Amino acid sequence: MSSSSSRWGALAVLCAVIFLDALDVSMVGVALPSIQKDLGLTTSSLQWVVSGYVLGYGGLLLLGGRTADLLGRRRVFLVALGVFAVASLLGGLVDDGGLLIAARFIKGVAAAFTAPAALSIITTTFPEGPERNRALSIFTACGASGYSLGLVLSGILTEIGWRWTLLMPVPVAIIALLAAFRVLRSNEQEERAEGGHDLLGAVLITASMLLLVYTVVQAPEVGWGSLRTIGSLVGVAALLGLFVFAEQRMKHPLVRLGILKSASLVRANLGLLILMGSYVAFQFVAMQYFQNLLHWSALGTALAFFPAGLLVAITSTKMGDFADRFGTGKLIVIGAAALAGGYAIFLGIDEHPSIGGLVLPGMILMGIAFALSFPSLNIQATNGVDDDEQGLASGLLNTSGQVGGAIVLAVVTAVLTSNSPHGMTVDSLRSAIVVPLVLAVIGLLISALGLRSPRTAPAVEEAKAYETV
């Protein structure tokens, strides 16, 4: 991709795919009651329509990122995108709950390979500095818009029929796949990472992530203090311990542990874990509030989230310029403050909420938070990382977001359930919102620690500072 036009053409394709990946995390939310009714799913089975996707996505992201480094980013991206399109089609056509969950899991697995491959294609195609920051801000704007607008699209499509929420990505994925064959040049003979496959490391980290996500999703149902949950968490710790032990002794490890010496990379991962974890959990609580307590329609619920999604879509593409001028640190701090403010406003919910005094300002603050934080965290996580580890850095970052979403959602579900023994109330919903609020405050403190001076270094200087970390 030598010419500027081919680079930006490739970016357009990659943006379409990351939009679809993010969209699938949230788009089935409003459609769940209709899916449950049509397919006769129990409540415990219904959660797996969402969790199955997150399980595949969050569990295999590290493997997906490293596979892109080793086998070629273009090749991995194209194969995974094809699988995503087929799984989307199957998911929209099946009439069995188990098959639907299986299709969602396969889609999550495919996304676990497309997302880090796409991000690493960008970071190895655009030179570090203003041009890369602009590309990343556009790319992450599409990802953030997918998360934010997923419920909006879900509400609109559910009014037509819930299957359209699953079928809509199919034509987009097929068009993106055909375009990718043209614009993603195979001259990405790419500086592939040297060395063979770390099969042991791949098995250990994938097993640990799958077990962790599965455990936290099941914990509210079987009990956080049950032997099953405790035993599973001990198993996760043991697998992670074995993974670290093995990686320290591998000649070509799946995850070079030294990459975690970058303080900015670690902060970015913690930041995305908190951003995605708290927002996915808040989204779940808000859905219960709008639909089950206020009895809003699917479309009405979707429109409540529209201001946040619209704000992200309009403003996120400018974040690269802001990152060049002010540095990612300040943008992340402001975003974290806006996120906490948005959650704090929703603590004032009641049975007759004010659209202008509660819903709109809260959603606008969350939109500001995503617009500022999501692109900045991606820039911060990948700046200063060698080309042959861009897939690894991308996989680490995306894993943090997906696993964070699964864990915090499970905690919030447990809080909501324990405080609603006789049915959902405003008080029980308020207690659940406290969880994402506390996390947002913790995120604000972590991001504030990253400000090393009164004027944070611009993004280009941050990359140079990486060498001294």
Protein backbone atom coordinates (compact mmCIF):
# COMPACT_ATOMS: atom_id res chain seq x y z
CA MET A 1 0.00 0.00 0.00
CA SER A 2 2.39 2.63 -1.21
CA SER A 3 -0.02 5.31 -2.46
CA SER A 4 -2.05 7.49 -0.16
CA SER A 5 -5.31 6.57 -1.93
CA SER A 6 -4.77 2.84 -1.47
CA ARG A 7 -3.99 3.33 2.20
CA TRP A 8 -7.19 5.27 2.82
CA GLY A 9 -9.19 2.82 0.71
CA ALA A 10 -7.92 0.01 2.90
CA LEU A 11 -8.86 2.04 5.98
CA ALA A 12 -12.45 2.34 4.72
CA VAL A 13 -12.73 -1.46 4.47
CA LEU A 14 -11.17 -2.00 7.89
CA CYS A 15 -13.52 0.58 9.42
CA ALA A 16 -16.57 -1.21 8.01
CA VAL A 17 -15.43 -4.47 9.57
CA ILE A 18 -14.61 -3.07 13.02
CA PHE A 19 -18.03 -1.38 12.97
CA LEU A 20 -19.63 -4.81 12.41
CA ASP A 21 -17.49 -6.43 15.13
CA ALA A 22 -18.52 -3.79 17.67
CA LEU A 23 -22.11 -3.74 16.46
CA ASP A 24 -22.59 -7.43 17.24
CA VAL A 25 -21.69 -6.90 20.89
CA SER A 26 -24.70 -4.70 21.52
CA MET A 27 -27.11 -5.01 18.59
CA VAL A 28 -29.04 -8.05 19.82
CA GLY A 29 -29.81 -6.34 23.13
CA VAL A 30 -33.22 -4.90 22.28
CA ALA A 31 -34.14 -8.01 20.26
CA LEU A 32 -33.63 -10.46 23.15
CA PRO A 33 -37.29 -10.53 24.34
CA SER A 34 -38.47 -11.32 20.79
CA ILE A 35 -35.78 -14.00 20.36
CA GLN A 36 -36.76 -15.59 23.66
CA LYS A 37 -40.43 -15.70 22.70
CA ASP A 38 -39.93 -17.08 19.17
CA LEU A 39 -37.33 -19.72 20.05
CA GLY A 40 -38.71 -20.65 23.47
CA LEU A 41 -35.48 -19.95 25.34
CA THR A 42 -35.21 -19.88 29.12
CA THR A 43 -33.72 -16.79 30.75
CA SER A 44 -30.48 -18.64 31.51
CA SER A 45 -30.22 -19.79 27.89
CA LEU A 46 -31.09 -16.34 26.54
CA GLN A 47 -28.04 -14.71 28.13
CA TRP A 48 -25.84 -16.93 25.96
CA VAL A 49 -27.07 -15.20 22.81
CA VAL A 50 -24.99 -12.25 24.06
CA SER A 51 -22.42 -14.12 26.14
CA GLY A 52 -21.68 -16.66 23.40
CA TYR A 53 -20.36 -13.87 21.18
CA VAL A 54 -18.36 -12.31 24.01
CA LEU A 55 -16.97 -15.73 24.96
CA GLY A 56 -15.59 -16.34 21.48
CA TYR A 57 -14.43 -12.75 21.04
CA GLY A 58 -12.78 -12.20 24.41
CA GLY A 59 -11.40 -15.71 24.72
CA LEU A 60 -9.42 -15.83 21.49
CA LEU A 61 -8.31 -12.23 20.90
CA LEU A 62 -4.72 -12.78 22.02
CA LEU A 63 -4.44 -15.82 19.79
CA GLY A 64 -6.01 -13.84 16.94
CA GLY A 65 -3.58 -10.96 17.32
CA ARG A 66 -0.50 -13.15 17.41
CA THR A 67 -1.74 -15.31 14.54
CA ALA A 68 -2.01 -12.16 12.42
CA ASP A 69 1.61 -11.33 13.24
CA LEU A 70 2.81 -14.83 12.37
CA LEU A 71 0.70 -15.89 9.39
CA GLY A 72 0.11 -12.52 7.75
CA ARG A 73 -2.42 -9.88 8.67
CA ARG A 74 -4.12 -9.77 5.27
CA ARG A 75 -4.57 -13.54 5.10
CA VAL A 76 -5.94 -13.82 8.64
CA PHE A 77 -8.24 -10.84 8.10
CA LEU A 78 -9.76 -12.21 4.89
CA VAL A 79 -10.35 -15.74 6.19
CA ALA A 80 -11.87 -14.50 9.47
CA LEU A 81 -14.13 -12.02 7.65
CA GLY A 82 -15.44 -14.82 5.42
CA VAL A 83 -16.24 -16.94 8.48
CA PHE A 84 -17.97 -13.94 10.08
CA ALA A 85 -20.25 -13.51 7.05
CA VAL A 86 -21.23 -17.20 6.95
CA ALA A 87 -21.89 -17.32 10.71
CA SER A 88 -24.02 -14.17 10.45
CA LEU A 89 -26.17 -15.77 7.76
CA LEU A 90 -26.60 -19.01 9.73
CA GLY A 91 -27.48 -17.13 12.90
CA GLY A 92 -30.28 -15.26 11.14
CA LEU A 93 -31.80 -18.40 9.60
CA VAL A 94 -31.73 -21.00 12.38
CA ASP A 95 -34.85 -21.93 14.36
CA ASP A 96 -33.08 -23.57 17.30
CA GLY A 97 -31.70 -21.70 20.30
CA GLY A 98 -28.65 -23.93 20.59
CA LEU A 99 -27.72 -23.38 16.95
CA LEU A 100 -28.18 -19.64 17.35
CA ILE A 101 -25.83 -19.59 20.34
CA ALA A 102 -23.30 -21.70 18.40
CA ALA A 103 -23.47 -19.27 15.45
CA ARG A 104 -22.96 -16.33 17.81
CA PHE A 105 -19.91 -18.05 19.33
CA ILE A 106 -18.40 -18.64 15.87
CA LYS A 107 -19.00 -14.99 14.99
CA GLY A 108 -17.18 -13.99 18.17
CA VAL A 109 -14.25 -16.22 17.25
CA ALA A 110 -14.11 -14.65 13.78
CA ALA A 111 -14.17 -11.16 15.30
CA ALA A 112 -11.31 -12.18 17.60
CA PHE A 113 -9.17 -12.55 14.46
CA THR A 114 -10.48 -9.66 12.34
CA ALA A 115 -10.25 -6.94 15.02
CA PRO A 116 -6.54 -7.24 15.96
CA ALA A 117 -5.57 -8.00 12.34
CA ALA A 118 -7.37 -4.84 11.17
CA LEU A 119 -5.79 -2.65 13.83
CA SER A 120 -2.30 -4.01 13.17
CA ILE A 121 -2.76 -3.49 9.39
CA ILE A 122 -3.43 0.18 10.12
CA THR A 123 -0.51 0.62 12.51
CA THR A 124 1.91 -1.03 10.08
CA THR A 125 0.54 0.82 7.03
CA PHE A 126 0.40 4.39 8.35
CA PRO A 127 3.64 5.88 9.71
CA GLU A 128 3.66 6.73 13.40
CA GLY A 129 2.66 10.31 14.07
CA PRO A 130 -0.16 12.57 12.83
CA GLU A 131 -1.10 10.37 9.85
CA ARG A 132 -1.42 7.23 11.96
CA ASN A 133 -3.26 9.11 14.69
CA ARG A 134 -5.77 10.38 12.15
CA ALA A 135 -6.26 6.87 10.75
CA LEU A 136 -6.67 5.40 14.24
CA SER A 137 -9.14 8.08 15.27
CA ILE A 138 -11.31 7.27 12.23
CA PHE A 139 -10.96 3.53 12.81
CA THR A 140 -11.82 3.70 16.49
CA ALA A 141 -14.66 6.13 15.78
CA CYS A 142 -16.26 3.38 13.71
CA GLY A 143 -15.71 0.87 16.53
CA ALA A 144 -17.12 3.23 19.15
CA SER A 145 -20.05 4.06 16.87
CA GLY A 146 -20.76 0.34 16.52
CA TYR A 147 -20.96 -0.07 20.28
CA SER A 148 -23.03 3.08 20.73
CA LEU A 149 -25.38 2.70 17.77
CA GLY A 150 -25.89 -1.04 18.15
CA LEU A 151 -28.93 -0.60 20.35
CA VAL A 152 -30.35 2.09 18.08
CA LEU A 153 -30.17 -0.17 15.03
CA SER A 154 -31.42 -3.08 17.08
CA GLY A 155 -34.51 -1.15 18.12
CA ILE A 156 -35.30 -0.15 14.54
CA LEU A 157 -34.71 -3.62 13.08
CA THR A 158 -36.57 -5.40 15.88
CA GLU A 159 -39.70 -3.48 14.91
CA ILE A 160 -39.43 -5.26 11.53
CA GLY A 161 -38.31 -8.63 12.91
CA TRP A 162 -35.53 -9.79 15.25
CA ARG A 163 -33.85 -11.88 12.55
CA TRP A 164 -32.86 -8.69 10.74
CA THR A 165 -30.59 -7.78 13.65
CA LEU A 166 -28.60 -10.92 12.80
CA LEU A 167 -28.89 -10.78 9.00
CA MET A 168 -28.06 -7.09 8.52
CA PRO A 169 -24.26 -7.63 8.82
CA VAL A 170 -24.23 -10.27 6.03
CA PRO A 171 -24.31 -8.03 2.93
CA VAL A 172 -21.97 -5.51 4.57
CA ALA A 173 -19.47 -8.27 5.42
CA ILE A 174 -19.63 -9.69 1.87
CA ILE A 175 -19.09 -6.27 0.27
CA ALA A 176 -16.21 -5.58 2.67
CA LEU A 177 -14.67 -8.97 1.86
CA LEU A 178 -14.79 -8.34 -1.90
CA ALA A 179 -13.35 -4.87 -1.44
CA ALA A 180 -10.63 -6.20 0.86
CA PHE A 181 -9.31 -8.51 -1.86
CA ARG A 182 -8.71 -5.40 -3.99
CA VAL A 183 -7.45 -2.81 -1.53
CA LEU A 184 -5.47 -4.94 0.93
CA ARG A 185 -2.44 -5.56 -1.20
CA SER A 186 -0.53 -8.77 -0.81
CA ASN A 187 2.67 -6.76 -0.74
CA GLU A 188 2.14 -6.99 2.96
CA GLN A 189 4.74 -9.70 2.73
CA GLU A 190 4.92 -8.24 5.68
CA GLU A 191 7.30 -8.03 8.17
CA ARG A 192 5.84 -11.10 9.75
CA ALA A 193 7.04 -11.90 13.23
CA GLU A 194 9.91 -14.32 13.28
CA GLY A 195 9.66 -17.67 14.96
CA GLY A 196 7.24 -20.54 15.08
CA HIS A 197 3.90 -20.94 16.77
CA ASP A 198 3.80 -21.10 20.56
CA LEU A 199 1.16 -23.82 20.66
CA LEU A 200 1.41 -24.36 24.42
CA GLY A 201 1.05 -20.65 25.15
CA ALA A 202 -1.89 -20.38 22.76
CA VAL A 203 -3.69 -23.28 24.43
CA LEU A 204 -3.05 -21.97 27.96
CA ILE A 205 -4.06 -18.34 27.38
CA THR A 206 -7.09 -19.26 25.28
CA ALA A 207 -8.25 -21.80 27.84
CA SER A 208 -7.78 -19.32 30.69
CA MET A 209 -9.70 -16.54 28.89
CA LEU A 210 -12.53 -18.87 27.87
CA LEU A 211 -12.80 -20.25 31.41
CA LEU A 212 -12.71 -16.76 32.93
CA VAL A 213 -15.45 -15.39 30.69
CA TYR A 214 -17.55 -18.54 31.14
CA THR A 215 -17.13 -18.40 34.93
CA VAL A 216 -18.16 -14.77 35.37
CA VAL A 217 -21.14 -15.18 33.02
CA GLN A 218 -22.39 -18.23 34.95
CA ALA A 219 -21.56 -16.93 38.43
CA PRO A 220 -24.79 -14.92 38.97
CA GLU A 221 -26.81 -18.08 38.25
CA VAL A 222 -24.80 -20.67 40.23
CA GLY A 223 -23.60 -18.24 42.93
CA TRP A 224 -20.36 -16.34 43.38
CA GLY A 225 -19.56 -18.32 46.52
CA SER A 226 -20.38 -21.74 45.06
CA LEU A 227 -17.73 -24.43 44.81
CA ARG A 228 -18.16 -24.40 41.05
CA THR A 229 -17.38 -20.68 40.75
CA ILE A 230 -14.50 -20.77 43.21
CA GLY A 231 -13.05 -23.88 41.60
CA SER A 232 -13.27 -22.29 38.15
CA LEU A 233 -11.53 -19.11 39.34
CA VAL A 234 -8.77 -21.21 40.89
CA GLY A 235 -8.49 -22.99 37.55
CA VAL A 236 -8.17 -19.63 35.76
CA ALA A 237 -5.41 -18.57 38.14
CA ALA A 238 -3.59 -21.87 37.64
CA LEU A 239 -3.81 -21.63 33.84
CA LEU A 240 -2.54 -18.05 33.88
CA GLY A 241 0.30 -19.04 36.19
CA LEU A 242 1.29 -21.86 33.86
CA PHE A 243 1.06 -19.46 30.92
CA VAL A 244 3.45 -16.97 32.52
CA PHE A 245 5.82 -19.80 33.46
CA ALA A 246 5.77 -21.17 29.91
CA GLU A 247 6.16 -17.78 28.20
CA GLN A 248 9.28 -17.00 30.23
CA ARG A 249 10.91 -20.13 28.85
CA MET A 250 9.75 -20.04 25.23
CA LYS A 251 12.18 -18.95 22.52
CA HIS A 252 9.31 -17.43 20.53
CA PRO A 253 6.49 -16.80 23.05
CA LEU A 254 2.91 -16.00 22.12
CA VAL A 255 3.08 -12.97 24.42
CA ARG A 256 6.45 -11.37 25.03
CA LEU A 257 5.92 -10.42 28.66
CA GLY A 258 8.39 -7.57 28.34
CA ILE A 259 5.80 -5.64 26.34
CA LEU A 260 3.95 -5.11 29.61
CA LYS A 261 6.85 -2.96 30.85
CA SER A 262 5.28 -0.13 28.88
CA ALA A 263 3.34 1.88 31.46
CA SER A 264 1.28 3.56 28.73
CA LEU A 265 0.28 0.19 27.27
CA VAL A 266 -0.81 -1.11 30.69
CA ARG A 267 -2.78 2.08 31.42
CA ALA A 268 -4.48 1.84 28.03
CA ASN A 269 -5.53 -1.75 28.71
CA LEU A 270 -6.89 -0.87 32.15
CA GLY A 271 -8.63 2.15 30.66
CA LEU A 272 -10.41 0.15 27.95
CA LEU A 273 -11.32 -2.60 30.44
CA ILE A 274 -13.04 0.02 32.61
CA LEU A 275 -14.60 1.94 29.70
CA MET A 276 -16.11 -1.10 28.01
CA GLY A 277 -16.85 -3.01 31.20
CA SER A 278 -18.73 -0.15 32.84
CA TYR A 279 -20.60 0.83 29.67
CA VAL A 280 -21.75 -2.70 28.78
CA ALA A 281 -22.99 -3.10 32.38
CA PHE A 282 -24.70 0.30 32.36
CA GLN A 283 -26.32 -0.52 29.04
CA PHE A 284 -27.83 -3.68 30.55
CA VAL A 285 -29.19 -1.77 33.56
CA ALA A 286 -30.58 0.99 31.36
CA MET A 287 -32.34 -1.59 29.20
CA GLN A 288 -34.07 -3.00 32.30
CA TYR A 289 -35.01 0.50 33.41
CA PHE A 290 -36.41 1.73 30.10
CA GLN A 291 -38.18 -1.45 28.97
CA ASN A 292 -39.14 -3.39 32.11
CA LEU A 293 -39.79 -0.56 34.56
CA LEU A 294 -40.92 2.30 32.30
CA HIS A 295 -42.35 -0.04 29.61
CA TRP A 296 -40.83 1.88 26.73
CA SER A 297 -40.94 0.29 23.29
CA ALA A 298 -37.88 -1.21 21.62
CA LEU A 299 -37.63 1.83 19.35
CA GLY A 300 -38.11 4.26 22.21
CA THR A 301 -35.36 2.54 24.18
CA ALA A 302 -33.07 2.66 21.16
CA LEU A 303 -33.69 6.37 20.66
CA ALA A 304 -32.64 7.05 24.27
CA PHE A 305 -29.14 5.86 23.32
CA PHE A 306 -29.10 7.73 20.01
CA PRO A 307 -27.55 11.03 21.27
CA ALA A 308 -24.48 9.20 22.59
CA GLY A 309 -24.00 7.24 19.38
CA LEU A 310 -24.51 10.29 17.18
CA LEU A 311 -22.02 12.32 19.20
CA VAL A 312 -19.41 9.58 18.90
CA ALA A 313 -19.93 9.23 15.16
CA ILE A 314 -19.59 12.98 14.56
CA THR A 315 -16.68 13.85 16.84
CA SER A 316 -14.42 10.80 17.13
CA THR A 317 -12.77 11.34 13.75
CA LYS A 318 -11.29 14.60 15.05
CA MET A 319 -9.62 12.96 18.02
CA GLY A 320 -6.40 12.24 16.08
CA ASP A 321 -5.84 15.98 15.67
CA PHE A 322 -6.57 16.58 19.35
CA ALA A 323 -4.17 13.78 20.31
CA ASP A 324 -1.42 15.39 18.24
CA ARG A 325 -2.00 18.73 19.92
CA PHE A 326 -2.71 17.81 23.53
CA GLY A 327 -1.54 14.20 23.93
CA THR A 328 -3.71 11.20 24.67
CA GLY A 329 -3.33 11.48 28.45
CA LYS A 330 -5.41 14.62 28.84
CA LEU A 331 -8.10 13.38 26.49
CA ILE A 332 -8.42 10.13 28.45
CA VAL A 333 -8.70 12.01 31.76
CA ILE A 334 -11.46 14.28 30.41
CA GLY A 335 -13.21 11.24 28.92
CA ALA A 336 -13.04 9.36 32.23
CA ALA A 337 -14.49 12.37 34.06
CA ALA A 338 -17.35 12.62 31.54
CA LEU A 339 -18.05 8.90 31.91
CA ALA A 340 -18.29 9.16 35.69
CA GLY A 341 -20.51 12.23 35.34
CA GLY A 342 -22.88 10.42 33.00
CA TYR A 343 -23.30 7.49 35.39
CA ALA A 344 -23.72 9.86 38.35
CA ILE A 345 -26.60 11.63 36.59
CA PHE A 346 -28.41 8.32 36.16
CA LEU A 347 -28.34 7.75 39.91
CA GLY A 348 -31.23 10.21 39.89
CA ILE A 349 -33.58 7.84 38.02
CA ASP A 350 -37.19 7.56 39.14
CA GLU A 351 -40.47 6.34 37.71
CA HIS A 352 -41.03 9.58 35.80
CA PRO A 353 -37.61 10.56 34.41
CA SER A 354 -36.96 13.90 32.78
CA ILE A 355 -35.73 13.49 29.22
CA GLY A 356 -34.04 16.89 29.20
CA GLY A 357 -32.81 16.80 32.79
CA LEU A 358 -31.63 13.18 33.09
CA VAL A 359 -31.63 10.98 30.00
CA LEU A 360 -30.24 13.48 27.47
CA PRO A 361 -27.43 15.00 29.59
CA GLY A 362 -26.39 11.58 30.87
CA MET A 363 -26.20 10.11 27.37
CA ILE A 364 -24.35 13.17 26.01
CA LEU A 365 -21.68 12.84 28.71
CA MET A 366 -21.25 9.14 27.86
CA GLY A 367 -20.97 10.04 24.19
CA ILE A 368 -18.24 12.57 25.02
CA ALA A 369 -16.47 9.91 27.09
CA PHE A 370 -16.43 7.42 24.22
CA ALA A 371 -15.46 10.04 21.62
CA LEU A 372 -12.45 11.15 23.69
CA SER A 373 -11.35 7.92 25.32
CA PHE A 374 -11.81 5.16 22.74
CA PRO A 375 -9.51 6.56 20.03
CA SER A 376 -7.01 7.88 22.58
CA LEU A 377 -6.69 4.50 24.31
CA ASN A 378 -6.03 2.80 20.97
CA ILE A 379 -3.36 5.35 20.05
CA GLN A 380 -1.76 5.06 23.49
CA ALA A 381 -1.70 1.24 23.37
CA THR A 382 -0.01 0.98 19.95
CA ASN A 383 2.41 3.92 19.92
CA GLY A 384 6.02 2.84 20.30
CA VAL A 385 5.30 -0.85 19.69
CA ASP A 386 7.39 -2.59 17.02
CA ASP A 387 5.59 -3.58 13.82
CA ASP A 388 6.01 -7.30 14.48
CA GLU A 389 4.13 -6.92 17.80
CA GLN A 390 1.30 -4.66 16.67
CA GLY A 391 -1.06 -7.64 16.46
CA LEU A 392 -0.09 -8.62 20.00
CA ALA A 393 -0.67 -5.09 21.33
CA SER A 394 -4.00 -4.93 19.52
CA GLY A 395 -5.03 -8.33 20.85
CA LEU A 396 -4.14 -7.35 24.42
CA LEU A 397 -6.18 -4.15 24.15
CA ASN A 398 -9.25 -5.78 22.62
CA THR A 399 -9.09 -8.63 25.14
CA SER A 400 -9.16 -6.12 27.97
CA GLY A 401 -12.31 -4.51 26.56
CA GLN A 402 -14.19 -7.76 25.94
CA VAL A 403 -13.22 -9.52 29.16
CA GLY A 404 -13.97 -6.31 31.07
CA GLY A 405 -17.45 -6.25 29.56
CA ALA A 406 -18.13 -9.84 30.57
CA ILE A 407 -16.82 -9.47 34.12
CA VAL A 408 -18.53 -6.18 35.00
CA LEU A 409 -21.81 -7.29 33.42
CA ALA A 410 -21.75 -10.42 35.58
CA VAL A 411 -21.09 -8.36 38.72
CA VAL A 412 -23.87 -5.89 37.91
CA THR A 413 -26.29 -8.74 37.16
CA ALA A 414 -25.50 -10.25 40.57
CA VAL A 415 -26.04 -6.89 42.31
CA LEU A 416 -29.30 -6.28 40.47
CA THR A 417 -30.61 -9.78 41.19
CA SER A 418 -29.69 -9.70 44.88
CA ASN A 419 -31.42 -6.35 45.34
CA SER A 420 -34.57 -7.37 43.45
CA PRO A 421 -35.92 -10.42 45.32
CA HIS A 422 -39.53 -9.34 44.74
CA GLY A 423 -39.17 -7.62 41.39
CA MET A 424 -37.16 -4.82 39.89
CA THR A 425 -37.39 -1.42 41.57
CA VAL A 426 -35.82 2.00 41.08
CA ASP A 427 -33.68 1.40 44.19
CA SER A 428 -32.32 -1.89 42.88
CA LEU A 429 -31.45 -0.26 39.56
CA ARG A 430 -29.70 2.59 41.36
CA SER A 431 -27.62 0.12 43.36
CA ALA A 432 -26.57 -1.57 40.11
CA ILE A 433 -25.52 1.76 38.53
CA VAL A 434 -23.16 2.32 41.47
CA VAL A 435 -20.89 -0.42 40.10
CA PRO A 436 -20.06 1.28 36.77
CA LEU A 437 -19.85 4.64 38.57
CA VAL A 438 -17.23 3.34 41.01
CA LEU A 439 -15.29 1.79 38.12
CA ALA A 440 -15.38 5.08 36.19
CA VAL A 441 -13.97 6.92 39.20
CA ILE A 442 -11.18 4.32 39.46
CA GLY A 443 -10.50 4.81 35.74
CA LEU A 444 -10.29 8.56 36.28
CA LEU A 445 -7.70 8.07 39.04
CA ILE A 446 -5.62 5.68 36.90
CA SER A 447 -5.67 8.01 33.91
CA ALA A 448 -4.77 10.99 36.10
CA LEU A 449 -1.67 9.12 37.29
CA GLY A 450 -0.57 8.97 33.65
CA LEU A 451 -0.24 12.73 33.48
CA ARG A 452 3.46 13.14 34.15
CA SER A 453 3.53 16.92 33.89
CA PRO A 454 1.17 19.89 33.69
CA ARG A 455 1.24 19.55 29.90
CA THR A 456 1.05 15.95 28.73
CA ALA A 457 3.38 15.09 25.87
CA PRO A 458 1.73 14.90 22.47
CA ALA A 459 1.16 11.46 21.02
CA VAL A 460 4.32 11.52 18.88
CA GLU A 461 6.44 12.33 21.91
CA GLU A 462 4.66 9.62 23.91
CA ALA A 463 5.88 7.08 21.38
CA LYS A 464 9.47 8.23 21.86
CA ALA A 465 9.06 8.14 25.63
CA TYR A 466 8.17 4.46 25.34
CA GLU A 467 11.83 3.63 24.95
CA THR A 468 12.59 5.02 28.39
CA VAL A 469 9.79 3.18 30.22
